[in-house]
Amino acid sequence: MPFMKNGKRDYEREKQWDHKNGRIKDRAERNKARAMLEKEGKVRKGDGKDVDHKKPISKGGKTTRSNLRVQSASANRSYRRNKDGSMK
């Protein structure tokens, strides 16, 4: 849910929250992982596959080839999560 102020979306507050919680950095890591496996030919845009970190970024996992695997989107997104989106 976006932050609202006087009935309008407060983009400045969202930006501060994203930076504070490291969400932008994590998204960059996920994009980097996807690009690595696209370069190897393991995945392509629109194929319905997700690039999964074996040890999640939220648990200290790194974006290295040995920590990445390809999974179907439904299998990758079926893990239980906390309210902030991190894995349980």
C-alpha atoms as a PDB file:
ATOM      1  CA  MET A   1       0.000   0.000   0.000  1.00  0.00           C
ATOM      2  CA  PRO A   2       1.554   3.330  -0.990  1.00  0.00           C
ATOM      3  CA  PHE A   3       2.072   6.082   1.525  1.00  0.00           C
ATOM      4  CA  MET A   4      -0.700   8.686   1.275  1.00  0.00           C
ATOM      5  CA  LYS A   5      -0.774  12.330   2.317  1.00  0.00           C
ATOM      6  CA  ASN A   6      -3.915  14.441   1.913  1.00  0.00           C
ATOM      7  CA  GLY A   7      -5.364  11.897  -0.515  1.00  0.00           C
ATOM      8  CA  LYS A   8      -2.277  11.941  -2.765  1.00  0.00           C
ATOM      9  CA  ARG A   9       0.593   9.498  -3.004  1.00  0.00           C
ATOM     10  CA  ASP A  10       3.670  10.621  -1.027  1.00  0.00           C
ATOM     11  CA  TYR A  11       6.561   9.558  -3.259  1.00  0.00           C
ATOM     12  CA  GLU A  12       9.208  11.193  -1.059  1.00  0.00           C
ATOM     13  CA  ARG A  13       8.184   9.134   1.951  1.00  0.00           C
ATOM     14  CA  GLU A  14       8.153   5.948  -0.153  1.00  0.00           C
ATOM     15  CA  LYS A  15      11.627   6.741  -1.446  1.00  0.00           C
ATOM     16  CA  GLN A  16      12.970   7.231   2.091  1.00  0.00           C
ATOM     17  CA  TRP A  17      11.370   3.971   3.237  1.00  0.00           C
ATOM     18  CA  ASP A  18      12.805   2.014   0.291  1.00  0.00           C
ATOM     19  CA  HIS A  19      16.332   3.277   0.906  1.00  0.00           C
ATOM     20  CA  LYS A  20      16.101   2.790   4.649  1.00  0.00           C
ATOM     21  CA  ASN A  21      15.039  -0.829   4.370  1.00  0.00           C
ATOM     22  CA  GLY A  22      17.439  -1.782   1.569  1.00  0.00           C
ATOM     23  CA  ARG A  23      14.667  -2.677  -0.851  1.00  0.00           C
ATOM     24  CA  ILE A  24      16.327  -0.930  -3.796  1.00  0.00           C
ATOM     25  CA  LYS A  25      19.626  -2.735  -3.149  1.00  0.00           C
ATOM     26  CA  ASP A  26      17.847  -6.108  -2.951  1.00  0.00           C
ATOM     27  CA  ARG A  27      15.989  -5.456  -6.214  1.00  0.00           C
ATOM     28  CA  ALA A  28      19.308  -4.619  -7.898  1.00  0.00           C
ATOM     29  CA  GLU A  29      20.724  -7.951  -6.680  1.00  0.00           C
ATOM     30  CA  ARG A  30      17.721  -9.845  -8.083  1.00  0.00           C
ATOM     31  CA  ASN A  31      18.091  -8.074 -11.444  1.00  0.00           C
ATOM     32  CA  LYS A  32      21.817  -8.901 -11.483  1.00  0.00           C
ATOM     33  CA  ALA A  33      21.055 -12.584 -10.827  1.00  0.00           C
ATOM     34  CA  ARG A  34      18.511 -12.698 -13.651  1.00  0.00           C
ATOM     35  CA  ALA A  35      20.977 -11.043 -16.055  1.00  0.00           C
ATOM     36  CA  MET A  36      23.669 -13.597 -15.156  1.00  0.00           C
ATOM     37  CA  LEU A  37      21.451 -16.551 -16.048  1.00  0.00           C
ATOM     38  CA  GLU A  38      20.054 -14.844 -19.159  1.00  0.00           C
ATOM     39  CA  LYS A  39      23.626 -14.444 -20.382  1.00  0.00           C
ATOM     40  CA  GLU A  40      24.180 -18.197 -19.867  1.00  0.00           C
ATOM     41  CA  GLY A  41      20.968 -18.971 -21.770  1.00  0.00           C
ATOM     42  CA  LYS A  42      19.253 -20.616 -18.772  1.00  0.00           C
ATOM     43  CA  VAL A  43      16.283 -18.194 -18.758  1.00  0.00           C
ATOM     44  CA  ARG A  44      14.752 -15.680 -21.124  1.00  0.00           C
ATOM     45  CA  LYS A  45      12.177 -12.935 -20.850  1.00  0.00           C
ATOM     46  CA  GLY A  46       8.613 -14.205 -20.667  1.00  0.00           C
ATOM     47  CA  ASP A  47       9.480 -17.870 -20.074  1.00  0.00           C
ATOM     48  CA  GLY A  48       7.609 -18.106 -16.748  1.00  0.00           C
ATOM     49  CA  LYS A  49      10.758 -19.009 -14.830  1.00  0.00           C
ATOM     50  CA  ASP A  50      12.255 -17.287 -11.796  1.00  0.00           C
ATOM     51  CA  VAL A  51      15.872 -17.072 -10.754  1.00  0.00           C
ATOM     52  CA  ASP A  52      16.039 -18.232  -7.158  1.00  0.00           C
ATOM     53  CA  HIS A  53      18.735 -17.624  -4.579  1.00  0.00           C
ATOM     54  CA  LYS A  54      19.324 -20.905  -2.719  1.00  0.00           C
ATOM     55  CA  LYS A  55      20.249 -18.876   0.359  1.00  0.00           C
ATOM     56  CA  PRO A  56      17.931 -15.841   0.185  1.00  0.00           C
ATOM     57  CA  ILE A  57      19.287 -12.309   0.033  1.00  0.00           C
ATOM     58  CA  SER A  58      17.237 -11.548   3.157  1.00  0.00           C
ATOM     59  CA  LYS A  59      19.178 -14.257   5.016  1.00  0.00           C
ATOM     60  CA  GLY A  60      22.608 -13.027   3.848  1.00  0.00           C
ATOM     61  CA  GLY A  61      22.872 -14.929   0.567  1.00  0.00           C
ATOM     62  CA  LYS A  62      25.068 -13.556  -2.192  1.00  0.00           C
ATOM     63  CA  THR A  63      24.476 -13.253  -5.910  1.00  0.00           C
ATOM     64  CA  THR A  64      27.031 -15.787  -7.074  1.00  0.00           C
ATOM     65  CA  ARG A  65      26.501 -18.488  -9.671  1.00  0.00           C
ATOM     66  CA  SER A  66      26.760 -21.240  -7.050  1.00  0.00           C
ATOM     67  CA  ASN A  67      23.879 -19.672  -5.075  1.00  0.00           C
ATOM     68  CA  LEU A  68      21.480 -19.355  -8.048  1.00  0.00           C
ATOM     69  CA  ARG A  69      19.013 -21.791  -9.574  1.00  0.00           C
ATOM     70  CA  VAL A  70      16.118 -21.655 -12.037  1.00  0.00           C
ATOM     71  CA  GLN A  71      12.640 -22.533 -10.744  1.00  0.00           C
ATOM     72  CA  SER A  72       9.116 -22.163 -11.978  1.00  0.00           C
ATOM     73  CA  ALA A  73       7.471 -18.979 -10.759  1.00  0.00           C
ATOM     74  CA  SER A  74       4.902 -20.867  -8.691  1.00  0.00           C
ATOM     75  CA  ALA A  75       7.544 -22.957  -6.919  1.00  0.00           C
ATOM     76  CA  ASN A  76       9.748 -19.970  -6.180  1.00  0.00           C
ATOM     77  CA  ARG A  77       6.945 -17.820  -4.795  1.00  0.00           C
ATOM     78  CA  SER A  78       5.374 -20.504  -2.602  1.00  0.00           C
ATOM     79  CA  TYR A  79       7.696 -19.983   0.380  1.00  0.00           C
ATOM     80  CA  ARG A  80       6.119 -18.624   3.556  1.00  0.00           C
ATOM     81  CA  ARG A  81       6.942 -14.987   4.126  1.00  0.00           C
ATOM     82  CA  ASN A  82       6.877 -12.434   6.931  1.00  0.00           C
ATOM     83  CA  LYS A  83       4.751  -9.299   6.633  1.00  0.00           C
ATOM     84  CA  ASP A  84       7.771  -7.335   5.333  1.00  0.00           C
ATOM     85  CA  GLY A  85       8.237  -9.854   2.506  1.00  0.00           C
ATOM     86  CA  SER A  86      11.303 -11.594   3.916  1.00  0.00           C
ATOM     87  CA  MET A  87      11.298 -15.375   4.154  1.00  0.00           C
ATOM     88  CA  LYS A  88      10.387 -17.169   7.388  1.00  0.00           C
END
